[in-house]
Amino acid sequence: SELSIWALSYIGHESQCPSLLPMDRTYILEDQIQHKLAIMEKFIPRTAKITLIGYSIGCKIIMEMFKRNTTHTIYEIFFLFPAIENMNITINGQIFYPVVNIFRHLALLVVFIVSLIPSI
């Protein structure tokens, strides 16, 4: 019996020399999902017994992979500390969600202004 273990990172999260201000393309959740499905389609044999393990937002990615997969048989899925599970019912979720929701526009404006500063 042969066993292969694959560990996939998020696209856009690898850099040999990261800049102080990120100027590279950013990838949304949909990009991450499509990337993982494409890797599975291209490199993993259709006869392989696949177990998906996701951590935090990776749980959402593998849930979507499971729903959209049409080529492989996924035997098991494990969620490790899913960010999507009961977030709003936790004390921290109830405290920080309104704060994040209110200040996100201000934070985006600040990030945009800072991104206009020429890099050295």
PDB file of N, CA and C in Angstrom:
ATOM      1  N   SER A   1       0.842  -1.176   0.000  1.00  0.00           N
ATOM      2  CA  SER A   1       0.000   0.000   0.000  1.00  0.00           C
ATOM      3  C   SER A   1       0.891   1.245   0.000  1.00  0.00           C
ATOM      4  N   GLU A   2       0.527   2.217  -0.796  1.00  0.00           N
ATOM      5  CA  GLU A   2       1.311   3.445  -0.929  1.00  0.00           C
ATOM      6  C   GLU A   2       0.551   4.605  -0.294  1.00  0.00           C
ATOM      7  N   LEU A   3       1.290   5.450   0.422  1.00  0.00           N
ATOM      8  CA  LEU A   3       0.697   6.596   1.097  1.00  0.00           C
ATOM      9  C   LEU A   3       1.415   7.862   0.657  1.00  0.00           C
ATOM     10  N   SER A   4       0.644   8.857   0.261  1.00  0.00           N
ATOM     11  CA  SER A   4       1.200  10.163  -0.081  1.00  0.00           C
ATOM     12  C   SER A   4       0.546  11.202   0.807  1.00  0.00           C
ATOM     13  N   ILE A   5       1.346  12.126   1.290  1.00  0.00           N
ATOM     14  CA  ILE A   5       0.823  13.223   2.106  1.00  0.00           C
ATOM     15  C   ILE A   5       1.161  14.525   1.388  1.00  0.00           C
ATOM     16  N   TRP A   6       0.152  15.317   1.140  1.00  0.00           N
ATOM     17  CA  TRP A   6       0.313  16.603   0.471  1.00  0.00           C
ATOM     18  C   TRP A   6      -0.074  17.698   1.456  1.00  0.00           C
ATOM     19  N   ALA A   7       0.711  18.723   1.519  1.00  0.00           N
ATOM     20  CA  ALA A   7       0.389  19.898   2.331  1.00  0.00           C
ATOM     21  C   ALA A   7       0.384  21.097   1.394  1.00  0.00           C
ATOM     22  N   LEU A   8      -0.736  21.778   1.333  1.00  0.00           N
ATOM     23  CA  LEU A   8      -0.869  22.911   0.423  1.00  0.00           C
ATOM     24  C   LEU A   8      -1.005  24.201   1.217  1.00  0.00           C
ATOM     25  N   SER A   9      -0.284  25.191   0.783  1.00  0.00           N
ATOM     26  CA  SER A   9      -0.367  26.512   1.388  1.00  0.00           C
ATOM     27  C   SER A   9      -1.378  27.341   0.619  1.00  0.00           C
ATOM     28  N   TYR A  10      -1.646  28.511   1.120  1.00  0.00           N
ATOM     29  CA  TYR A  10      -2.507  29.444   0.404  1.00  0.00           C
ATOM     30  C   TYR A  10      -1.694  30.129  -0.675  1.00  0.00           C
ATOM     31  N   ILE A  11      -2.273  30.292  -1.862  1.00  0.00           N
ATOM     32  CA  ILE A  11      -1.554  31.011  -2.907  1.00  0.00           C
ATOM     33  C   ILE A  11      -1.418  32.471  -2.468  1.00  0.00           C
ATOM     34  N   GLY A  12      -0.242  33.006  -2.742  1.00  0.00           N
ATOM     35  CA  GLY A  12       0.033  34.382  -2.349  1.00  0.00           C
ATOM     36  C   GLY A  12       0.627  34.518  -0.954  1.00  0.00           C
ATOM     37  N   HIS A  13       0.802  33.391  -0.249  1.00  0.00           N
ATOM     38  CA  HIS A  13       1.342  33.437   1.108  1.00  0.00           C
ATOM     39  C   HIS A  13       2.791  32.990   1.174  1.00  0.00           C
ATOM     40  N   GLU A  14       3.413  32.845   0.036  1.00  0.00           N
ATOM     41  CA  GLU A  14       4.809  32.430   0.025  1.00  0.00           C
ATOM     42  C   GLU A  14       5.627  33.526  -0.634  1.00  0.00           C
ATOM     43  N   SER A  15       6.681  33.930   0.023  1.00  0.00           N
ATOM     44  CA  SER A  15       7.533  34.976  -0.529  1.00  0.00           C
ATOM     45  C   SER A  15       8.928  34.832   0.052  1.00  0.00           C
ATOM     46  N   GLN A  16       9.914  34.881  -0.812  1.00  0.00           N
ATOM     47  CA  GLN A  16      11.297  34.805  -0.355  1.00  0.00           C
ATOM     48  C   GLN A  16      11.714  36.102   0.325  1.00  0.00           C
ATOM     49  N   CYS A  17      11.143  37.198  -0.110  1.00  0.00           N
ATOM     50  CA  CYS A  17      11.532  38.511   0.406  1.00  0.00           C
ATOM     51  C   CYS A  17      10.278  39.391   0.495  1.00  0.00           C
ATOM     52  N   PRO A  18       9.470  39.217   1.542  1.00  0.00           N
ATOM     53  CA  PRO A  18       8.237  40.002   1.618  1.00  0.00           C
ATOM     54  C   PRO A  18       8.533  41.490   1.814  1.00  0.00           C
ATOM     55  N   SER A  19       7.716  42.326   1.183  1.00  0.00           N
ATOM     56  CA  SER A  19       7.895  43.769   1.320  1.00  0.00           C
ATOM     57  C   SER A  19       7.181  44.262   2.571  1.00  0.00           C
ATOM     58  N   LEU A  20       7.553  45.444   3.011  1.00  0.00           N
ATOM     59  CA  LEU A  20       6.920  46.037   4.184  1.00  0.00           C
ATOM     60  C   LEU A  20       5.436  46.274   3.920  1.00  0.00           C
ATOM     61  N   LEU A  21       5.136  46.788   2.743  1.00  0.00           N
ATOM     62  CA  LEU A  21       3.752  46.989   2.335  1.00  0.00           C
ATOM     63  C   LEU A  21       3.442  46.013   1.206  1.00  0.00           C
ATOM     64  N   PRO A  22       2.440  45.169   1.386  1.00  0.00           N
ATOM     65  CA  PRO A  22       2.137  44.189   0.340  1.00  0.00           C
ATOM     66  C   PRO A  22       1.667  44.875  -0.941  1.00  0.00           C
ATOM     67  N   MET A  23       2.380  44.629  -2.019  1.00  0.00           N
ATOM     68  CA  MET A  23       2.020  45.195  -3.320  1.00  0.00           C
ATOM     69  C   MET A  23       1.648  44.116  -4.325  1.00  0.00           C
ATOM     70  N   ASP A  24       1.881  42.852  -3.975  1.00  0.00           N
ATOM     71  CA  ASP A  24       1.554  41.756  -4.876  1.00  0.00           C
ATOM     72  C   ASP A  24       0.046  41.552  -4.917  1.00  0.00           C
ATOM     73  N   ARG A  25      -0.382  40.831  -5.923  1.00  0.00           N
ATOM     74  CA  ARG A  25      -1.798  40.505  -6.056  1.00  0.00           C
ATOM     75  C   ARG A  25      -2.280  39.773  -4.815  1.00  0.00           C
ATOM     76  N   THR A  26      -3.488  40.062  -4.405  1.00  0.00           N
ATOM     77  CA  THR A  26      -4.099  39.316  -3.309  1.00  0.00           C
ATOM     78  C   THR A  26      -5.125  38.354  -3.898  1.00  0.00           C
ATOM     79  N   TYR A  27      -5.354  37.269  -3.205  1.00  0.00           N
ATOM     80  CA  TYR A  27      -6.257  36.231  -3.684  1.00  0.00           C
ATOM     81  C   TYR A  27      -7.434  36.113  -2.738  1.00  0.00           C
ATOM     82  N   ILE A  28      -8.623  36.067  -3.300  1.00  0.00           N
ATOM     83  CA  ILE A  28      -9.816  35.922  -2.481  1.00  0.00           C
ATOM     84  C   ILE A  28     -10.069  34.437  -2.203  1.00  0.00           C
ATOM     85  N   LEU A  29     -11.020  34.191  -1.348  1.00  0.00           N
ATOM     86  CA  LEU A  29     -11.344  32.814  -0.961  1.00  0.00           C
ATOM     87  C   LEU A  29     -11.653  31.951  -2.179  1.00  0.00           C
ATOM     88  N   GLU A  30     -12.393  32.486  -3.133  1.00  0.00           N
ATOM     89  CA  GLU A  30     -12.739  31.723  -4.338  1.00  0.00           C
ATOM     90  C   GLU A  30     -11.484  31.300  -5.101  1.00  0.00           C
ATOM     91  N   ASP A  31     -10.499  32.186  -5.171  1.00  0.00           N
ATOM     92  CA  ASP A  31      -9.224  31.844  -5.834  1.00  0.00           C
ATOM     93  C   ASP A  31      -8.555  30.673  -5.131  1.00  0.00           C
ATOM     94  N   GLN A  32      -8.575  30.702  -3.805  1.00  0.00           N
ATOM     95  CA  GLN A  32      -7.946  29.636  -3.024  1.00  0.00           C
ATOM     96  C   GLN A  32      -8.648  28.295  -3.287  1.00  0.00           C
ATOM     97  N   ILE A  33      -9.964  28.318  -3.335  1.00  0.00           N
ATOM     98  CA  ILE A  33     -10.732  27.094  -3.571  1.00  0.00           C
ATOM     99  C   ILE A  33     -10.437  26.538  -4.965  1.00  0.00           C
ATOM    100  N   GLN A  34     -10.481  27.399  -5.962  1.00  0.00           N
ATOM    101  CA  GLN A  34     -10.217  26.969  -7.333  1.00  0.00           C
ATOM    102  C   GLN A  34      -8.804  26.409  -7.485  1.00  0.00           C
ATOM    103  N   HIS A  35      -7.848  27.034  -6.808  1.00  0.00           N
ATOM    104  CA  HIS A  35      -6.453  26.580  -6.852  1.00  0.00           C
ATOM    105  C   HIS A  35      -6.333  25.157  -6.308  1.00  0.00           C
ATOM    106  N   LYS A  36      -6.942  24.891  -5.172  1.00  0.00           N
ATOM    107  CA  LYS A  36      -6.858  23.556  -4.562  1.00  0.00           C
ATOM    108  C   LYS A  36      -7.556  22.510  -5.428  1.00  0.00           C
ATOM    109  N   LEU A  37      -8.700  22.865  -6.002  1.00  0.00           N
ATOM    110  CA  LEU A  37      -9.398  21.928  -6.888  1.00  0.00           C
ATOM    111  C   LEU A  37      -8.568  21.628  -8.131  1.00  0.00           C
ATOM    112  N   ALA A  38      -7.902  22.635  -8.672  1.00  0.00           N
ATOM    113  CA  ALA A  38      -7.065  22.429  -9.859  1.00  0.00           C
ATOM    114  C   ALA A  38      -5.885  21.522  -9.542  1.00  0.00           C
ATOM    115  N   ILE A  39      -5.276  21.697  -8.379  1.00  0.00           N
ATOM    116  CA  ILE A  39      -4.159  20.824  -7.981  1.00  0.00           C
ATOM    117  C   ILE A  39      -4.643  19.389  -7.829  1.00  0.00           C
ATOM    118  N   MET A  40      -5.796  19.226  -7.181  1.00  0.00           N
ATOM    119  CA  MET A  40      -6.337  17.882  -7.002  1.00  0.00           C
ATOM    120  C   MET A  40      -6.610  17.243  -8.365  1.00  0.00           C
ATOM    121  N   GLU A  41      -7.205  17.983  -9.269  1.00  0.00           N
ATOM    122  CA  GLU A  41      -7.532  17.469 -10.606  1.00  0.00           C
ATOM    123  C   GLU A  41      -6.279  17.089 -11.388  1.00  0.00           C
ATOM    124  N   LYS A  42      -5.260  17.920 -11.298  1.00  0.00           N
ATOM    125  CA  LYS A  42      -4.071  17.728 -12.132  1.00  0.00           C
ATOM    126  C   LYS A  42      -3.089  16.689 -11.590  1.00  0.00           C
ATOM    127  N   PHE A  43      -2.925  16.638 -10.276  1.00  0.00           N
ATOM    128  CA  PHE A  43      -1.839  15.834  -9.719  1.00  0.00           C
ATOM    129  C   PHE A  43      -2.247  14.596  -8.933  1.00  0.00           C
ATOM    130  N   ILE A  44      -3.442  14.557  -8.428  1.00  0.00           N
ATOM    131  CA  ILE A  44      -3.835  13.425  -7.577  1.00  0.00           C
ATOM    132  C   ILE A  44      -4.626  12.419  -8.405  1.00  0.00           C
ATOM    133  N   PRO A  45      -4.190  11.166  -8.409  1.00  0.00           N
ATOM    134  CA  PRO A  45      -4.910  10.152  -9.185  1.00  0.00           C
ATOM    135  C   PRO A  45      -6.363  10.027  -8.729  1.00  0.00           C
ATOM    136  N   ARG A  46      -7.255   9.786  -9.672  1.00  0.00           N
ATOM    137  CA  ARG A  46      -8.684   9.687  -9.347  1.00  0.00           C
ATOM    138  C   ARG A  46      -9.007   8.497  -8.459  1.00  0.00           C
ATOM    139  N   THR A  47      -8.112   7.538  -8.427  1.00  0.00           N
ATOM    140  CA  THR A  47      -8.350   6.345  -7.607  1.00  0.00           C
ATOM    141  C   THR A  47      -7.854   6.512  -6.171  1.00  0.00           C
ATOM    142  N   ALA A  48      -7.220   7.618  -5.888  1.00  0.00           N
ATOM    143  CA  ALA A  48      -6.658   7.831  -4.548  1.00  0.00           C
ATOM    144  C   ALA A  48      -7.772   7.999  -3.511  1.00  0.00           C
ATOM    145  N   LYS A  49      -7.527   7.477  -2.313  1.00  0.00           N
ATOM    146  CA  LYS A  49      -8.422   7.703  -1.186  1.00  0.00           C
ATOM    147  C   LYS A  49      -7.979   9.010  -0.531  1.00  0.00           C
ATOM    148  N   ILE A  50      -8.831  10.006  -0.591  1.00  0.00           N
ATOM    149  CA  ILE A  50      -8.443  11.355  -0.157  1.00  0.00           C
ATOM    150  C   ILE A  50      -9.053  11.684   1.192  1.00  0.00           C
ATOM    151  N   THR A  51      -8.201  12.165   2.068  1.00  0.00           N
ATOM    152  CA  THR A  51      -8.615  12.721   3.349  1.00  0.00           C
ATOM    153  C   THR A  51      -8.198  14.178   3.347  1.00  0.00           C
ATOM    154  N   LEU A  52      -9.141  15.081   3.602  1.00  0.00           N
ATOM    155  CA  LEU A  52      -8.837  16.507   3.647  1.00  0.00           C
ATOM    156  C   LEU A  52      -8.824  16.963   5.100  1.00  0.00           C
ATOM    157  N   ILE A  53      -7.823  17.748   5.449  1.00  0.00           N
ATOM    158  CA  ILE A  53      -7.703  18.296   6.794  1.00  0.00           C
ATOM    159  C   ILE A  53      -7.534  19.799   6.652  1.00  0.00           C
ATOM    160  N   GLY A  54      -8.392  20.553   7.292  1.00  0.00           N
ATOM    161  CA  GLY A  54      -8.319  22.011   7.210  1.00  0.00           C
ATOM    162  C   GLY A  54      -8.205  22.626   8.580  1.00  0.00           C
ATOM    163  N   TYR A  55      -7.485  23.718   8.636  1.00  0.00           N
ATOM    164  CA  TYR A  55      -7.314  24.465   9.890  1.00  0.00           C
ATOM    165  C   TYR A  55      -7.868  25.868   9.692  1.00  0.00           C
ATOM    166  N   SER A  56      -8.721  26.312  10.580  1.00  0.00           N
ATOM    167  CA  SER A  56      -9.295  27.648  10.556  1.00  0.00           C
ATOM    168  C   SER A  56     -10.026  27.887   9.235  1.00  0.00           C
ATOM    169  N   ILE A  57      -9.636  28.895   8.465  1.00  0.00           N
ATOM    170  CA  ILE A  57     -10.339  29.184   7.216  1.00  0.00           C
ATOM    171  C   ILE A  57     -10.129  28.067   6.197  1.00  0.00           C
ATOM    172  N   GLY A  58      -9.105  27.256   6.387  1.00  0.00           N
ATOM    173  CA  GLY A  58      -8.912  26.077   5.537  1.00  0.00           C
ATOM    174  C   GLY A  58     -10.094  25.129   5.628  1.00  0.00           C
ATOM    175  N   CYS A  59     -10.837  25.164   6.741  1.00  0.00           N
ATOM    176  CA  CYS A  59     -12.040  24.340   6.874  1.00  0.00           C
ATOM    177  C   CYS A  59     -13.090  24.757   5.853  1.00  0.00           C
ATOM    178  N   LYS A  60     -13.240  26.060   5.660  1.00  0.00           N
ATOM    179  CA  LYS A  60     -14.185  26.554   4.661  1.00  0.00           C
ATOM    180  C   LYS A  60     -13.738  26.130   3.261  1.00  0.00           C
ATOM    181  N   ILE A  61     -12.437  26.201   3.014  1.00  0.00           N
ATOM    182  CA  ILE A  61     -11.914  25.807   1.709  1.00  0.00           C
ATOM    183  C   ILE A  61     -12.211  24.336   1.428  1.00  0.00           C
ATOM    184  N   ILE A  62     -11.957  23.461   2.395  1.00  0.00           N
ATOM    185  CA  ILE A  62     -12.193  22.040   2.120  1.00  0.00           C
ATOM    186  C   ILE A  62     -13.684  21.700   2.086  1.00  0.00           C
ATOM    187  N   MET A  63     -14.519  22.465   2.800  1.00  0.00           N
ATOM    188  CA  MET A  63     -15.967  22.257   2.659  1.00  0.00           C
ATOM    189  C   MET A  63     -16.400  22.542   1.231  1.00  0.00           C
ATOM    190  N   GLU A  64     -15.895  23.641   0.674  1.00  0.00           N
ATOM    191  CA  GLU A  64     -16.244  23.987  -0.708  1.00  0.00           C
ATOM    192  C   GLU A  64     -15.636  22.990  -1.695  1.00  0.00           C
ATOM    193  N   MET A  65     -14.421  22.532  -1.421  1.00  0.00           N
ATOM    194  CA  MET A  65     -13.813  21.515  -2.282  1.00  0.00           C
ATOM    195  C   MET A  65     -14.677  20.261  -2.314  1.00  0.00           C
ATOM    196  N   PHE A  66     -15.137  19.852  -1.146  1.00  0.00           N
ATOM    197  CA  PHE A  66     -15.972  18.652  -1.051  1.00  0.00           C
ATOM    198  C   PHE A  66     -17.265  18.825  -1.861  1.00  0.00           C
ATOM    199  N   LYS A  67     -17.892  19.997  -1.738  1.00  0.00           N
ATOM    200  CA  LYS A  67     -19.145  20.256  -2.455  1.00  0.00           C
ATOM    201  C   LYS A  67     -18.951  20.296  -3.966  1.00  0.00           C
ATOM    202  N   ARG A  68     -17.840  20.884  -4.417  1.00  0.00           N
ATOM    203  CA  ARG A  68     -17.641  21.122  -5.849  1.00  0.00           C
ATOM    204  C   ARG A  68     -16.899  20.002  -6.571  1.00  0.00           C
ATOM    205  N   ASN A  69     -16.253  19.145  -5.841  1.00  0.00           N
ATOM    206  CA  ASN A  69     -15.453  18.071  -6.444  1.00  0.00           C
ATOM    207  C   ASN A  69     -16.346  17.147  -7.265  1.00  0.00           C
ATOM    208  N   THR A  70     -15.926  16.890  -8.499  1.00  0.00           N
ATOM    209  CA  THR A  70     -16.680  15.973  -9.366  1.00  0.00           C
ATOM    210  C   THR A  70     -15.806  14.837  -9.890  1.00  0.00           C
ATOM    211  N   THR A  71     -14.539  14.821  -9.504  1.00  0.00           N
ATOM    212  CA  THR A  71     -13.615  13.869 -10.118  1.00  0.00           C
ATOM    213  C   THR A  71     -13.037  12.836  -9.159  1.00  0.00           C
ATOM    214  N   HIS A  72     -12.995  13.137  -7.880  1.00  0.00           N
ATOM    215  CA  HIS A  72     -12.323  12.264  -6.915  1.00  0.00           C
ATOM    216  C   HIS A  72     -13.291  11.821  -5.816  1.00  0.00           C
ATOM    217  N   THR A  73     -12.906  10.767  -5.139  1.00  0.00           N
ATOM    218  CA  THR A  73     -13.675  10.313  -3.986  1.00  0.00           C
ATOM    219  C   THR A  73     -12.970  10.779  -2.718  1.00  0.00           C
ATOM    220  N   ILE A  74     -13.662  11.602  -1.966  1.00  0.00           N
ATOM    221  CA  ILE A  74     -13.114  12.098  -0.699  1.00  0.00           C
ATOM    222  C   ILE A  74     -13.714  11.242   0.408  1.00  0.00           C
ATOM    223  N   TYR A  75     -12.839  10.548   1.121  1.00  0.00           N
ATOM    224  CA  TYR A  75     -13.296   9.602   2.134  1.00  0.00           C
ATOM    225  C   TYR A  75     -13.507  10.231   3.501  1.00  0.00           C
ATOM    226  N   GLU A  76     -12.650  11.176   3.861  1.00  0.00           N
ATOM    227  CA  GLU A  76     -12.741  11.773   5.193  1.00  0.00           C
ATOM    228  C   GLU A  76     -12.425  13.262   5.118  1.00  0.00           C
ATOM    229  N   ILE A  77     -13.027  14.004   6.050  1.00  0.00           N
ATOM    230  CA  ILE A  77     -12.728  15.423   6.207  1.00  0.00           C
ATOM    231  C   ILE A  77     -12.582  15.691   7.697  1.00  0.00           C
ATOM    232  N   PHE A  78     -11.533  16.419   8.045  1.00  0.00           N
ATOM    233  CA  PHE A  78     -11.312  16.804   9.438  1.00  0.00           C
ATOM    234  C   PHE A  78     -11.174  18.317   9.521  1.00  0.00           C
ATOM    235  N   PHE A  79     -11.912  18.922  10.458  1.00  0.00           N
ATOM    236  CA  PHE A  79     -11.819  20.359  10.698  1.00  0.00           C
ATOM    237  C   PHE A  79     -11.052  20.584  11.993  1.00  0.00           C
ATOM    238  N   LEU A  80      -9.993  21.368  11.920  1.00  0.00           N
ATOM    239  CA  LEU A  80      -9.222  21.724  13.101  1.00  0.00           C
ATOM    240  C   LEU A  80      -9.458  23.201  13.408  1.00  0.00           C
ATOM    241  N   PHE A  81     -10.119  23.481  14.491  1.00  0.00           N
ATOM    242  CA  PHE A  81     -10.414  24.852  14.902  1.00  0.00           C
ATOM    243  C   PHE A  81     -11.064  25.649  13.774  1.00  0.00           C
ATOM    244  N   PRO A  82     -12.225  25.212  13.312  1.00  0.00           N
ATOM    245  CA  PRO A  82     -12.853  25.908  12.188  1.00  0.00           C
ATOM    246  C   PRO A  82     -13.264  27.330  12.545  1.00  0.00           C
ATOM    247  N   ALA A  83     -12.852  28.280  11.735  1.00  0.00           N
ATOM    248  CA  ALA A  83     -13.182  29.687  11.948  1.00  0.00           C
ATOM    249  C   ALA A  83     -14.654  29.958  11.664  1.00  0.00           C
ATOM    250  N   ILE A  84     -15.303  29.039  11.002  1.00  0.00           N
ATOM    251  CA  ILE A  84     -16.673  29.264  10.562  1.00  0.00           C
ATOM    252  C   ILE A  84     -17.708  28.720  11.539  1.00  0.00           C
ATOM    253  N   GLU A  85     -17.274  28.027  12.565  1.00  0.00           N
ATOM    254  CA  GLU A  85     -18.202  27.323  13.437  1.00  0.00           C
ATOM    255  C   GLU A  85     -18.518  28.149  14.681  1.00  0.00           C
ATOM    256  N   ASN A  86     -19.740  28.560  14.826  1.00  0.00           N
ATOM    257  CA  ASN A  86     -20.231  29.231  16.032  1.00  0.00           C
ATOM    258  C   ASN A  86     -19.436  30.478  16.414  1.00  0.00           C
ATOM    259  N   MET A  87     -18.908  31.194  15.446  1.00  0.00           N
ATOM    260  CA  MET A  87     -18.077  32.350  15.759  1.00  0.00           C
ATOM    261  C   MET A  87     -18.869  33.444  16.475  1.00  0.00           C
ATOM    262  N   ASN A  88     -20.086  33.696  16.033  1.00  0.00           N
ATOM    263  CA  ASN A  88     -20.861  34.792  16.610  1.00  0.00           C
ATOM    264  C   ASN A  88     -21.438  34.484  17.982  1.00  0.00           C
ATOM    265  N   ILE A  89     -21.439  33.227  18.400  1.00  0.00           N
ATOM    266  CA  ILE A  89     -21.991  32.931  19.724  1.00  0.00           C
ATOM    267  C   ILE A  89     -20.925  32.918  20.810  1.00  0.00           C
ATOM    268  N   THR A  90     -19.648  33.053  20.409  1.00  0.00           N
ATOM    269  CA  THR A  90     -18.600  33.125  21.418  1.00  0.00           C
ATOM    270  C   THR A  90     -18.544  34.531  21.992  1.00  0.00           C
ATOM    271  N   ILE A  91     -18.016  34.663  23.190  1.00  0.00           N
ATOM    272  CA  ILE A  91     -17.898  35.981  23.830  1.00  0.00           C
ATOM    273  C   ILE A  91     -17.030  36.903  22.981  1.00  0.00           C
ATOM    274  N   ASN A  92     -15.873  36.408  22.538  1.00  0.00           N
ATOM    275  CA  ASN A  92     -15.001  37.237  21.704  1.00  0.00           C
ATOM    276  C   ASN A  92     -15.663  37.599  20.388  1.00  0.00           C
ATOM    277  N   GLY A  93     -16.397  36.681  19.810  1.00  0.00           N
ATOM    278  CA  GLY A  93     -17.102  36.966  18.564  1.00  0.00           C
ATOM    279  C   GLY A  93     -18.142  38.056  18.738  1.00  0.00           C
ATOM    280  N   GLN A  94     -18.862  38.018  19.855  1.00  0.00           N
ATOM    281  CA  GLN A  94     -19.875  39.035  20.124  1.00  0.00           C
ATOM    282  C   GLN A  94     -19.240  40.402  20.389  1.00  0.00           C
ATOM    283  N   ILE A  95     -18.060  40.413  20.984  1.00  0.00           N
ATOM    284  CA  ILE A  95     -17.372  41.676  21.285  1.00  0.00           C
ATOM    285  C   ILE A  95     -16.721  42.248  20.026  1.00  0.00           C
ATOM    286  N   PHE A  96     -15.994  41.401  19.310  1.00  0.00           N
ATOM    287  CA  PHE A  96     -15.166  41.912  18.218  1.00  0.00           C
ATOM    288  C   PHE A  96     -15.883  42.068  16.886  1.00  0.00           C
ATOM    289  N   TYR A  97     -16.957  41.350  16.650  1.00  0.00           N
ATOM    290  CA  TYR A  97     -17.638  41.486  15.368  1.00  0.00           C
ATOM    291  C   TYR A  97     -18.129  42.917  15.134  1.00  0.00           C
ATOM    292  N   PRO A  98     -18.829  43.527  16.101  1.00  0.00           N
ATOM    293  CA  PRO A  98     -19.260  44.916  15.863  1.00  0.00           C
ATOM    294  C   PRO A  98     -18.074  45.876  15.691  1.00  0.00           C
ATOM    295  N   VAL A  99     -17.014  45.665  16.454  1.00  0.00           N
ATOM    296  CA  VAL A  99     -15.834  46.531  16.342  1.00  0.00           C
ATOM    297  C   VAL A  99     -15.210  46.404  14.964  1.00  0.00           C
ATOM    298  N   VAL A 100     -15.022  45.173  14.525  1.00  0.00           N
ATOM    299  CA  VAL A 100     -14.434  44.930  13.207  1.00  0.00           C
ATOM    300  C   VAL A 100     -15.346  45.484  12.120  1.00  0.00           C
ATOM    301  N   ASN A 101     -16.628  45.289  12.277  1.00  0.00           N
ATOM    302  CA  ASN A 101     -17.578  45.749  11.280  1.00  0.00           C
ATOM    303  C   ASN A 101     -17.572  47.276  11.159  1.00  0.00           C
ATOM    304  N   ILE A 102     -17.447  47.975  12.268  1.00  0.00           N
ATOM    305  CA  ILE A 102     -17.446  49.441  12.267  1.00  0.00           C
ATOM    306  C   ILE A 102     -16.144  49.994  11.710  1.00  0.00           C
ATOM    307  N   PHE A 103     -15.016  49.431  12.132  1.00  0.00           N
ATOM    308  CA  PHE A 103     -13.723  50.008  11.791  1.00  0.00           C
ATOM    309  C   PHE A 103     -13.083  49.457  10.516  1.00  0.00           C
ATOM    310  N   ARG A 104     -13.723  48.517   9.869  1.00  0.00           N
ATOM    311  CA  ARG A 104     -13.089  47.937   8.684  1.00  0.00           C
ATOM    312  C   ARG A 104     -12.944  48.947   7.557  1.00  0.00           C
ATOM    313  N   HIS A 105     -13.916  49.824   7.400  1.00  0.00           N
ATOM    314  CA  HIS A 105     -13.822  50.824   6.332  1.00  0.00           C
ATOM    315  C   HIS A 105     -12.690  51.803   6.608  1.00  0.00           C
ATOM    316  N   LEU A 106     -12.548  52.217   7.855  1.00  0.00           N
ATOM    317  CA  LEU A 106     -11.448  53.100   8.225  1.00  0.00           C
ATOM    318  C   LEU A 106     -10.107  52.405   8.001  1.00  0.00           C
ATOM    319  N   ALA A 107     -10.024  51.147   8.383  1.00  0.00           N
ATOM    320  CA  ALA A 107      -8.776  50.394   8.193  1.00  0.00           C
ATOM    321  C   ALA A 107      -8.443  50.261   6.709  1.00  0.00           C
ATOM    322  N   LEU A 108      -9.437  49.989   5.884  1.00  0.00           N
ATOM    323  CA  LEU A 108      -9.198  49.888   4.445  1.00  0.00           C
ATOM    324  C   LEU A 108      -8.728  51.212   3.861  1.00  0.00           C
ATOM    325  N   LEU A 109      -9.284  52.319   4.338  1.00  0.00           N
ATOM    326  CA  LEU A 109      -8.854  53.630   3.872  1.00  0.00           C
ATOM    327  C   LEU A 109      -7.399  53.888   4.245  1.00  0.00           C
ATOM    328  N   VAL A 110      -7.037  53.565   5.471  1.00  0.00           N
ATOM    329  CA  VAL A 110      -5.654  53.754   5.922  1.00  0.00           C
ATOM    330  C   VAL A 110      -4.703  52.890   5.097  1.00  0.00           C
ATOM    331  N   VAL A 111      -5.051  51.644   4.870  1.00  0.00           N
ATOM    332  CA  VAL A 111      -4.209  50.745   4.082  1.00  0.00           C
ATOM    333  C   VAL A 111      -4.065  51.271   2.655  1.00  0.00           C
ATOM    334  N   PHE A 112      -5.158  51.763   2.090  1.00  0.00           N
ATOM    335  CA  PHE A 112      -5.098  52.314   0.737  1.00  0.00           C
ATOM    336  C   PHE A 112      -4.162  53.517   0.680  1.00  0.00           C
ATOM    337  N   ILE A 113      -4.283  54.420   1.636  1.00  0.00           N
ATOM    338  CA  ILE A 113      -3.422  55.611   1.660  1.00  0.00           C
ATOM    339  C   ILE A 113      -1.966  55.212   1.822  1.00  0.00           C
ATOM    340  N   VAL A 114      -1.692  54.286   2.702  1.00  0.00           N
ATOM    341  CA  VAL A 114      -0.319  53.825   2.912  1.00  0.00           C
ATOM    342  C   VAL A 114       0.218  53.146   1.653  1.00  0.00           C
ATOM    343  N   SER A 115      -0.647  52.446   0.932  1.00  0.00           N
ATOM    344  CA  SER A 115      -0.186  51.761  -0.280  1.00  0.00           C
ATOM    345  C   SER A 115       0.232  52.738  -1.379  1.00  0.00           C
ATOM    346  N   LEU A 116      -0.222  53.980  -1.281  1.00  0.00           N
ATOM    347  CA  LEU A 116       0.151  54.980  -2.264  1.00  0.00           C
ATOM    348  C   LEU A 116       1.564  55.547  -2.044  1.00  0.00           C
ATOM    349  N   ILE A 117       2.113  55.308  -0.857  1.00  0.00           N
ATOM    350  CA  ILE A 117       3.454  55.772  -0.559  1.00  0.00           C
ATOM    351  C   ILE A 117       4.444  54.957  -1.398  1.00  0.00           C
ATOM    352  N   PRO A 118       5.331  55.624  -2.136  1.00  0.00           N
ATOM    353  CA  PRO A 118       6.280  54.865  -2.972  1.00  0.00           C
ATOM    354  C   PRO A 118       7.193  53.982  -2.118  1.00  0.00           C
ATOM    355  N   SER A 119       7.474  52.788  -2.626  1.00  0.00           N
ATOM    356  CA  SER A 119       8.375  51.892  -1.894  1.00  0.00           C
ATOM    357  C   SER A 119       9.820  52.341  -2.089  1.00  0.00           C
ATOM    358  N   ILE A 120      10.612  52.039  -1.091  1.00  0.00           N
ATOM    359  CA  ILE A 120      12.015  52.458  -1.121  1.00  0.00           C
ATOM    360  C   ILE A 120      12.871  51.372  -1.734  1.00  0.00           C
TER     361      ILE A 120
END
